[in-house]
Amino acid sequence: MADKDKRYRIFISAAEPSADAHCAGLITALKQSGYNIEFVGVGGPKMAEAGCELLEQTGTKAAMLYNAFSQIGYYYKLLKRIAHFLQDNKVDLVIVCDSPSFNFRVAKAAKKVLRPGSVLGTPYGGRAGIKTLFYVAPQLWAWAGWRIRKLRRLCDKLCCILPFEQDWFSEKGVDATFVGSPLLDDLGTIPGGFIKNYADFDLGRKLKIALMPGSRPAEIDSLWIPMQQIALRIRGKYPAAKFVAVAVDARRKDILKAAQIPNFECQYTISMVSDTAAEADFALVASGSATLQVAAAGCPMVIMYQSSRILWHIVGRWLVKTEYLSLPNILAGKELVPEFMPHFSSIEPIVQNIEQLLADKDKLAQVSNELIKLTEPLAAKKSRDEVAKIVIEML
């Protein structure tokens, strides 16, 4: 357990906006703990606002899967800078959040740091390197399972945000604990308060659909125009339909506005995904963390993800081991909500699916109820507080 009279330094690595938000919440929780902790690392504006000294602001270049190849040069230079900082400065703990392709390397740099008593020749400096905590488990149960050996070497403690992950990783020799989902830490009420019954749902008078094209540039580039095209088709059938697009920050809001297609109209908002989803009747959502926030708001949805058709067939489809690709369906063990991952070029199947769902009030109410039940265990714990306790124990 940490000593309250001692000063500690924690290095935190967050490479994208969602991780920036998770780590900002954790920093706030640790500051409230009464321990004397200094925070330094790489992350976004929310971490900086919470009191973390940033070596560099990340998040604007975040990418998924093979889209990350275009950013290799940037991340290589950043990793070298991080490695030099860890070697030249006393750091008591390294916390890496999500983005495993990048953060495995940050953890490796931490383990290479030689401290008094380190044994030369052991992999990555052995356990004598800087202690590492992984916040948000890499989804090795879905793909790239061979990296479990690397995770065992690099990770002193793993904080899992999905309930089944604790057992999966523990069985493979990783010290893992389920801490709840940081995505749901800021819910104003328990998920059960958001259930939608659609009793007064009238497509002829009122229909509100949320559009959530994600925060990564690659997501916005590939999903925002198709989402608008789908919205136009829906409005063509239901003239009362109104749309609201959710942006993670002002810069991304401007990007969405700049890419608005002719004849499309919508409201733009910078707000919590769950807040917007709670007020919507339906949502189109980029695959990723936002899907759980939409689920916690009891909002039926269609989940989308785009990729290269060639790379998907050559690489992607063989790497992925789960039957479903979106988090709500993985947790449900069935296709609770339609997922089009990847949807490639035609929006026709998506439009047809949405129209069928909107025409079935009973189905919408059933999906809303099941989404709420699915996310209640995730919201039962405050992730930031659970992780803060683990951090104090590691210090």
Protein backbone atom coordinates (compact mmCIF):
# COMPACT_ATOMS: atom_id res chain seq x y z
CA MET A 1 0.00 0.00 0.00
CA ALA A 2 1.25 3.48 -0.84
CA ASP A 3 2.73 5.83 1.78
CA LYS A 4 0.79 9.11 2.05
CA ASP A 5 3.96 10.97 3.04
CA LYS A 6 5.81 9.91 -0.10
CA ARG A 7 5.63 11.57 -3.51
CA TYR A 8 4.90 9.27 -6.45
CA ARG A 9 5.07 9.75 -10.20
CA ILE A 10 2.73 7.87 -12.54
CA PHE A 11 3.20 7.80 -16.31
CA ILE A 12 -0.07 7.40 -18.27
CA SER A 13 -0.40 6.56 -21.95
CA ALA A 14 -3.66 7.22 -23.82
CA ALA A 15 -3.63 7.36 -27.61
CA GLU A 16 -7.25 8.21 -28.44
CA PRO A 17 -10.14 10.34 -27.13
CA SER A 18 -11.99 7.58 -25.24
CA ALA A 19 -8.81 6.59 -23.40
CA ASP A 20 -8.13 10.26 -22.66
CA ALA A 21 -11.54 10.45 -20.96
CA HIS A 22 -11.03 7.20 -19.02
CA CYS A 23 -7.62 8.32 -17.73
CA ALA A 24 -8.86 11.79 -16.84
CA GLY A 25 -11.49 10.17 -14.63
CA LEU A 26 -8.84 7.96 -13.03
CA ILE A 27 -6.55 10.95 -12.36
CA THR A 28 -9.43 12.78 -10.67
CA ALA A 29 -10.19 9.74 -8.50
CA LEU A 30 -6.53 9.37 -7.49
CA LYS A 31 -6.29 13.05 -6.61
CA GLN A 32 -9.24 12.58 -4.27
CA SER A 33 -7.48 9.66 -2.58
CA GLY A 34 -5.23 11.92 -0.51
CA TYR A 35 -1.98 10.48 -1.86
CA ASN A 36 0.77 12.71 -3.22
CA ILE A 37 0.89 11.68 -6.89
CA GLU A 38 2.35 13.49 -9.88
CA PHE A 39 0.98 12.57 -13.31
CA VAL A 40 2.86 12.75 -16.59
CA GLY A 41 2.30 11.04 -19.91
CA VAL A 42 0.78 11.25 -23.37
CA GLY A 43 -2.91 11.86 -23.85
CA GLY A 44 -5.53 14.42 -24.70
CA PRO A 45 -7.06 17.63 -23.36
CA LYS A 46 -9.15 15.92 -20.70
CA MET A 47 -6.06 14.40 -19.09
CA ALA A 48 -4.34 17.78 -19.20
CA GLU A 49 -7.36 19.44 -17.59
CA ALA A 50 -7.37 16.78 -14.86
CA GLY A 51 -3.76 17.63 -13.99
CA CYS A 52 -1.51 15.46 -16.14
CA GLU A 53 1.65 16.97 -17.65
CA LEU A 54 1.65 15.89 -21.29
CA LEU A 55 4.82 15.10 -23.19
CA GLU A 56 2.67 15.19 -26.31
CA GLN A 57 -1.04 15.46 -27.06
CA THR A 58 -2.34 12.37 -28.79
CA GLY A 59 -5.77 11.44 -30.13
CA THR A 60 -5.92 13.26 -33.45
CA LYS A 61 -4.06 10.46 -35.22
CA ALA A 62 -5.80 7.47 -33.62
CA ALA A 63 -6.60 4.64 -36.04
CA MET A 64 -7.92 1.10 -36.01
CA LEU A 65 -6.49 -2.12 -37.43
CA TYR A 66 -4.74 -1.71 -40.80
CA ASN A 67 -5.52 2.04 -40.92
CA ALA A 68 -2.80 2.40 -38.27
CA PHE A 69 -0.07 1.62 -40.81
CA SER A 70 -0.28 5.18 -42.15
CA GLN A 71 0.79 6.52 -38.73
CA ILE A 72 3.83 4.30 -38.15
CA GLY A 73 6.36 7.14 -38.43
CA TYR A 74 4.56 9.37 -35.95
CA TYR A 75 4.15 6.64 -33.35
CA TYR A 76 7.73 5.38 -33.77
CA LYS A 77 9.10 8.82 -32.88
CA LEU A 78 6.66 9.16 -29.98
CA LEU A 79 7.64 5.76 -28.58
CA LYS A 80 11.32 6.72 -28.66
CA ARG A 81 10.51 9.88 -26.74
CA ILE A 82 8.52 7.92 -24.14
CA ALA A 83 11.30 5.36 -23.75
CA HIS A 84 13.88 8.10 -23.13
CA PHE A 85 11.64 9.75 -20.55
CA LEU A 86 11.07 6.48 -18.66
CA GLN A 87 14.80 5.75 -18.66
CA ASP A 88 15.85 9.23 -17.53
CA ASN A 89 13.18 9.93 -14.90
CA LYS A 90 11.99 8.13 -11.80
CA VAL A 91 8.55 6.66 -12.50
CA ASP A 92 6.74 4.47 -9.94
CA LEU A 93 4.02 3.07 -12.19
CA VAL A 94 3.12 3.07 -15.88
CA ILE A 95 -0.57 2.92 -16.80
CA VAL A 96 -1.47 2.17 -20.42
CA CYS A 97 -5.06 2.55 -21.56
CA ASP A 98 -6.51 0.73 -24.58
CA SER A 99 -4.78 1.04 -28.03
CA PRO A 100 -2.83 -2.23 -27.59
CA SER A 101 -0.78 -1.88 -30.80
CA PHE A 102 0.78 1.27 -29.36
CA ASN A 103 0.61 0.57 -25.64
CA PHE A 104 2.21 -2.87 -25.76
CA ARG A 105 5.30 -0.98 -26.88
CA VAL A 106 4.96 1.59 -24.11
CA ALA A 107 4.78 -1.26 -21.58
CA LYS A 108 7.79 -2.90 -23.21
CA ALA A 109 9.74 0.35 -22.80
CA ALA A 110 8.74 0.41 -19.12
CA LYS A 111 9.99 -3.14 -18.60
CA LYS A 112 13.32 -2.35 -20.25
CA VAL A 113 14.11 0.28 -17.64
CA LEU A 114 16.76 -1.08 -15.31
CA ARG A 115 16.28 -0.35 -11.62
CA PRO A 116 18.47 -1.31 -8.64
CA GLY A 117 18.39 -5.09 -8.40
CA SER A 118 17.46 -5.63 -12.05
CA VAL A 119 18.84 -8.75 -13.67
CA LEU A 120 20.55 -8.12 -17.00
CA GLY A 121 19.53 -10.50 -19.76
CA THR A 122 16.00 -11.15 -18.57
CA PRO A 123 13.23 -10.36 -21.10
CA TYR A 124 12.33 -6.66 -21.11
CA GLY A 125 14.32 -6.13 -17.92
CA GLY A 126 12.15 -8.73 -16.14
CA ARG A 127 9.78 -7.77 -13.34
CA ALA A 128 12.47 -5.41 -12.07
CA GLY A 129 11.39 -2.85 -14.65
CA ILE A 130 8.70 -0.28 -13.91
CA LYS A 131 5.40 -1.80 -12.79
CA THR A 132 2.71 -1.67 -15.46
CA LEU A 133 -1.06 -1.56 -15.24
CA PHE A 134 -3.19 -2.17 -18.33
CA TYR A 135 -6.49 -0.27 -18.09
CA VAL A 136 -8.94 -1.78 -20.63
CA ALA A 137 -7.95 -5.30 -21.56
CA PRO A 138 -6.79 -5.91 -25.15
CA GLN A 139 -9.43 -8.00 -26.88
CA LEU A 140 -7.23 -11.05 -27.34
CA TRP A 141 -10.28 -13.28 -26.90
CA ALA A 142 -11.54 -11.87 -30.23
CA TRP A 143 -8.36 -11.84 -32.29
CA ALA A 144 -4.56 -12.04 -32.01
CA GLY A 145 -4.78 -14.50 -29.12
CA TRP A 146 -1.12 -15.41 -29.59
CA ARG A 147 -0.20 -12.10 -27.90
CA ILE A 148 -1.23 -13.48 -24.51
CA ARG A 149 2.40 -14.50 -23.86
CA LYS A 150 3.55 -10.95 -24.48
CA LEU A 151 0.81 -9.61 -22.20
CA ARG A 152 1.92 -11.93 -19.39
CA ARG A 153 5.48 -10.59 -19.69
CA LEU A 154 4.56 -6.94 -19.88
CA CYS A 155 1.53 -6.62 -17.58
CA ASP A 156 1.67 -6.61 -13.77
CA LYS A 157 -2.05 -5.93 -13.42
CA LEU A 158 -4.90 -6.00 -15.94
CA CYS A 159 -8.11 -4.05 -15.37
CA CYS A 160 -10.95 -5.58 -17.41
CA ILE A 161 -14.04 -3.61 -18.42
CA LEU A 162 -16.14 -6.58 -19.62
CA PRO A 163 -17.33 -9.16 -17.05
CA PHE A 164 -16.19 -12.34 -18.83
CA GLU A 165 -12.66 -11.02 -19.39
CA GLN A 166 -11.50 -11.54 -15.80
CA ASP A 167 -11.89 -15.32 -16.00
CA TRP A 168 -10.57 -15.52 -19.57
CA PHE A 169 -7.31 -13.73 -18.75
CA SER A 170 -6.91 -15.25 -15.27
CA GLU A 171 -7.07 -18.75 -16.75
CA LYS A 172 -4.15 -17.76 -18.98
CA GLY A 173 -1.94 -16.58 -16.15
CA VAL A 174 -2.65 -12.83 -16.19
CA ASP A 175 -3.49 -11.03 -12.93
CA ALA A 176 -6.87 -9.64 -14.03
CA THR A 177 -9.76 -7.90 -12.25
CA PHE A 178 -13.13 -6.76 -13.58
CA VAL A 179 -13.49 -3.08 -12.64
CA GLY A 180 -16.72 -2.12 -14.42
CA SER A 181 -16.93 0.00 -17.55
CA PRO A 182 -15.45 3.52 -17.54
CA LEU A 183 -17.85 4.27 -20.39
CA LEU A 184 -20.69 4.17 -17.89
CA ASP A 185 -19.05 5.97 -14.97
CA ASP A 186 -20.84 9.22 -15.71
CA LEU A 187 -24.36 7.87 -16.18
CA GLY A 188 -26.78 10.09 -14.30
CA THR A 189 -28.84 7.08 -13.22
CA ILE A 190 -28.73 3.31 -13.34
CA PRO A 191 -29.39 1.94 -16.85
CA GLY A 192 -32.85 0.72 -15.84
CA GLY A 193 -34.01 4.34 -15.72
CA PHE A 194 -33.50 4.68 -19.49
CA ILE A 195 -35.72 1.87 -20.73
CA LYS A 196 -37.94 2.82 -23.70
CA ASN A 197 -41.39 1.26 -24.10
CA TYR A 198 -42.38 2.90 -27.43
CA ALA A 199 -46.02 2.94 -26.34
CA ASP A 200 -46.58 6.37 -27.90
CA PHE A 201 -44.14 5.91 -30.78
CA ASP A 202 -45.62 7.46 -33.94
CA LEU A 203 -43.46 7.53 -37.08
CA GLY A 204 -45.84 9.98 -38.71
CA ARG A 205 -45.43 12.62 -36.01
CA LYS A 206 -42.05 12.25 -34.37
CA LEU A 207 -38.86 10.27 -34.98
CA LYS A 208 -35.44 11.18 -33.58
CA ILE A 209 -32.38 9.29 -34.77
CA ALA A 210 -28.85 9.76 -33.41
CA LEU A 211 -25.89 9.52 -35.80
CA MET A 212 -22.59 8.56 -34.17
CA PRO A 213 -19.79 8.19 -36.74
CA GLY A 214 -17.03 7.79 -34.17
CA SER A 215 -14.07 9.93 -33.13
CA ARG A 216 -11.20 8.53 -35.18
CA PRO A 217 -10.51 10.28 -38.48
CA ALA A 218 -10.68 6.96 -40.35
CA GLU A 219 -14.12 6.24 -38.89
CA ILE A 220 -15.48 9.65 -39.82
CA ASP A 221 -14.02 9.43 -43.33
CA SER A 222 -15.61 6.05 -44.01
CA LEU A 223 -18.91 6.24 -42.09
CA TRP A 224 -20.16 9.82 -42.00
CA ILE A 225 -21.27 10.10 -45.64
CA PRO A 226 -23.03 6.67 -45.66
CA MET A 227 -24.80 7.60 -42.42
CA GLN A 228 -26.08 10.80 -44.03
CA GLN A 229 -27.21 8.87 -47.10
CA ILE A 230 -29.10 6.44 -44.88
CA ALA A 231 -30.67 9.35 -43.02
CA LEU A 232 -31.90 10.89 -46.27
CA ARG A 233 -33.51 7.59 -47.24
CA ILE A 234 -35.24 7.35 -43.86
CA ARG A 235 -36.48 10.94 -44.09
CA GLY A 236 -37.80 10.19 -47.56
CA LYS A 237 -40.06 7.54 -46.04
CA TYR A 238 -40.71 9.31 -42.73
CA PRO A 239 -40.73 13.11 -43.31
CA ALA A 240 -41.07 13.77 -39.57
CA ALA A 241 -37.65 12.23 -38.90
CA LYS A 242 -35.04 14.46 -37.28
CA PHE A 243 -31.37 13.67 -36.84
CA VAL A 244 -28.70 14.63 -34.32
CA ALA A 245 -24.98 13.98 -34.91
CA VAL A 246 -22.70 13.47 -31.90
CA ALA A 247 -19.12 14.76 -31.95
CA VAL A 248 -16.54 14.14 -29.26
CA ASP A 249 -15.18 17.71 -29.44
CA ALA A 250 -15.45 20.99 -31.33
CA ARG A 251 -12.82 20.05 -33.90
CA ARG A 252 -14.64 16.87 -34.88
CA LYS A 253 -17.94 18.74 -34.91
CA ASP A 254 -16.45 21.10 -37.50
CA ILE A 255 -15.21 18.11 -39.53
CA LEU A 256 -18.73 16.63 -39.59
CA LYS A 257 -20.28 19.94 -40.62
CA ALA A 258 -17.72 20.42 -43.40
CA ALA A 259 -18.57 16.99 -44.82
CA GLN A 260 -22.35 17.48 -44.78
CA ILE A 261 -23.86 16.32 -48.08
CA PRO A 262 -26.50 18.25 -50.10
CA ASN A 263 -30.11 18.14 -48.85
CA PHE A 264 -29.11 16.66 -45.50
CA GLU A 265 -30.05 18.50 -42.32
CA CYS A 266 -29.26 17.67 -38.73
CA GLN A 267 -28.45 19.08 -35.33
CA TYR A 268 -24.82 18.81 -34.19
CA THR A 269 -23.97 18.30 -30.54
CA ILE A 270 -20.94 17.81 -28.34
CA SER A 271 -22.28 15.71 -25.51
CA MET A 272 -22.11 12.35 -23.82
CA VAL A 273 -23.19 9.58 -26.16
CA SER A 274 -25.53 8.15 -23.52
CA ASP A 275 -27.28 11.51 -23.03
CA THR A 276 -28.08 11.81 -26.73
CA ALA A 277 -29.05 8.14 -27.03
CA ALA A 278 -31.42 8.46 -24.06
CA GLU A 279 -33.40 11.11 -25.95
CA ALA A 280 -33.34 9.30 -29.32
CA ASP A 281 -35.66 6.63 -30.68
CA PHE A 282 -32.93 4.92 -32.67
CA ALA A 283 -29.22 5.26 -33.45
CA LEU A 284 -26.65 4.55 -36.15
CA VAL A 285 -23.36 3.93 -34.37
CA ALA A 286 -19.76 3.32 -35.37
CA SER A 287 -18.51 0.07 -33.88
CA GLY A 288 -16.55 0.61 -30.70
CA SER A 289 -16.95 1.89 -27.17
CA ALA A 290 -19.90 4.15 -28.00
CA THR A 291 -22.09 1.10 -28.64
CA LEU A 292 -22.06 0.25 -24.93
CA GLN A 293 -23.09 3.79 -23.98
CA VAL A 294 -25.94 3.62 -26.48
CA ALA A 295 -26.92 0.22 -25.07
CA ALA A 296 -26.91 1.60 -21.51
CA ALA A 297 -29.36 4.26 -22.69
CA GLY A 298 -31.68 1.50 -23.88
CA CYS A 299 -31.54 2.80 -27.45
CA PRO A 300 -31.98 0.29 -30.29
CA MET A 301 -29.27 0.73 -32.90
CA VAL A 302 -27.57 -0.43 -36.05
CA ILE A 303 -23.79 -0.78 -35.75
CA MET A 304 -21.51 0.03 -38.67
CA TYR A 305 -17.83 -0.31 -39.49
CA GLN A 306 -16.07 0.15 -42.80
CA SER A 307 -12.85 -1.35 -44.09
CA SER A 308 -11.07 -2.30 -47.26
CA ARG A 309 -12.95 -5.14 -48.96
CA ILE A 310 -9.67 -6.74 -50.09
CA LEU A 311 -7.91 -6.49 -46.70
CA TRP A 312 -11.01 -7.76 -44.90
CA HIS A 313 -11.13 -10.93 -46.98
CA ILE A 314 -7.37 -11.46 -47.01
CA VAL A 315 -6.63 -10.61 -43.38
CA GLY A 316 -9.52 -9.40 -41.22
CA ARG A 317 -11.98 -12.27 -41.52
CA TRP A 318 -9.27 -14.80 -40.63
CA LEU A 319 -7.96 -12.90 -37.60
CA VAL A 320 -11.31 -12.38 -35.90
CA LYS A 321 -12.37 -15.38 -33.80
CA THR A 322 -15.73 -14.25 -32.41
CA GLU A 323 -19.05 -14.95 -34.10
CA TYR A 324 -20.09 -11.33 -33.61
CA LEU A 325 -17.94 -8.22 -33.90
CA SER A 326 -19.82 -5.54 -31.94
CA LEU A 327 -19.63 -5.35 -28.14
CA PRO A 328 -23.41 -5.55 -27.45
CA ASN A 329 -23.73 -8.70 -29.55
CA ILE A 330 -20.59 -10.26 -28.08
CA LEU A 331 -21.96 -9.69 -24.56
CA ALA A 332 -25.43 -10.93 -25.56
CA GLY A 333 -24.07 -14.00 -27.34
CA LYS A 334 -26.46 -13.32 -30.21
CA GLU A 335 -27.29 -10.64 -32.77
CA LEU A 336 -29.28 -8.43 -30.43
CA VAL A 337 -28.73 -5.43 -32.73
CA PRO A 338 -27.90 -5.55 -36.45
CA GLU A 339 -24.22 -5.16 -37.20
CA PHE A 340 -22.82 -4.31 -40.63
CA MET A 341 -19.11 -4.82 -40.16
CA PRO A 342 -17.86 -4.09 -42.70
CA HIS A 343 -20.74 -2.73 -44.76
CA PHE A 344 -18.53 -2.03 -47.84
CA SER A 345 -20.40 0.08 -50.38
CA SER A 346 -24.17 -0.54 -50.41
CA ILE A 347 -26.42 1.10 -47.85
CA GLU A 348 -29.48 -0.78 -49.10
CA PRO A 349 -29.38 -3.67 -46.57
CA ILE A 350 -28.90 -1.18 -43.72
CA VAL A 351 -31.85 0.97 -44.82
CA GLN A 352 -34.11 -2.07 -45.15
CA ASN A 353 -33.09 -3.32 -41.71
CA ILE A 354 -33.75 0.04 -40.06
CA GLU A 355 -37.15 0.41 -41.74
CA GLN A 356 -38.18 -3.06 -40.55
CA LEU A 357 -37.16 -2.26 -36.98
CA LEU A 358 -38.85 1.15 -36.92
CA ALA A 359 -42.09 -0.43 -38.11
CA ASP A 360 -42.14 -2.88 -35.17
CA LYS A 361 -42.80 -1.11 -31.85
CA ASP A 362 -42.81 -4.36 -29.89
CA LYS A 363 -39.40 -5.34 -31.28
CA LEU A 364 -37.95 -1.92 -30.44
CA ALA A 365 -39.22 -2.18 -26.86
CA GLN A 366 -37.84 -5.70 -26.51
CA VAL A 367 -34.41 -4.64 -27.77
CA SER A 368 -34.38 -1.64 -25.43
CA ASN A 369 -35.15 -3.88 -22.45
CA GLU A 370 -32.47 -6.42 -23.38
CA LEU A 371 -29.83 -3.72 -23.89
CA ILE A 372 -30.55 -2.35 -20.42
CA LYS A 373 -30.22 -5.79 -18.81
CA LEU A 374 -26.99 -6.34 -20.71
CA THR A 375 -25.32 -3.20 -19.41
CA GLU A 376 -26.53 -3.14 -15.80
CA PRO A 377 -23.62 -5.34 -14.58
CA LEU A 378 -21.15 -3.01 -16.33
CA ALA A 379 -22.53 0.02 -14.52
CA ALA A 380 -22.68 -1.64 -11.10
CA LYS A 381 -19.12 -0.49 -10.33
CA LYS A 382 -17.47 2.89 -10.80
CA SER A 383 -14.50 1.90 -12.88
CA ARG A 384 -12.38 4.95 -12.05
CA ASP A 385 -12.72 4.29 -8.31
CA GLU A 386 -11.98 0.57 -8.65
CA VAL A 387 -8.85 1.23 -10.70
CA ALA A 388 -7.73 3.97 -8.30
CA LYS A 389 -7.82 1.43 -5.43
CA ILE A 390 -5.69 -0.97 -7.47
CA VAL A 391 -3.21 1.81 -8.33
CA ILE A 392 -2.77 2.70 -4.64
CA GLU A 393 -2.12 -0.97 -3.81
CA MET A 394 0.49 -1.21 -6.60
CA LEU A 395 2.28 1.91 -5.39
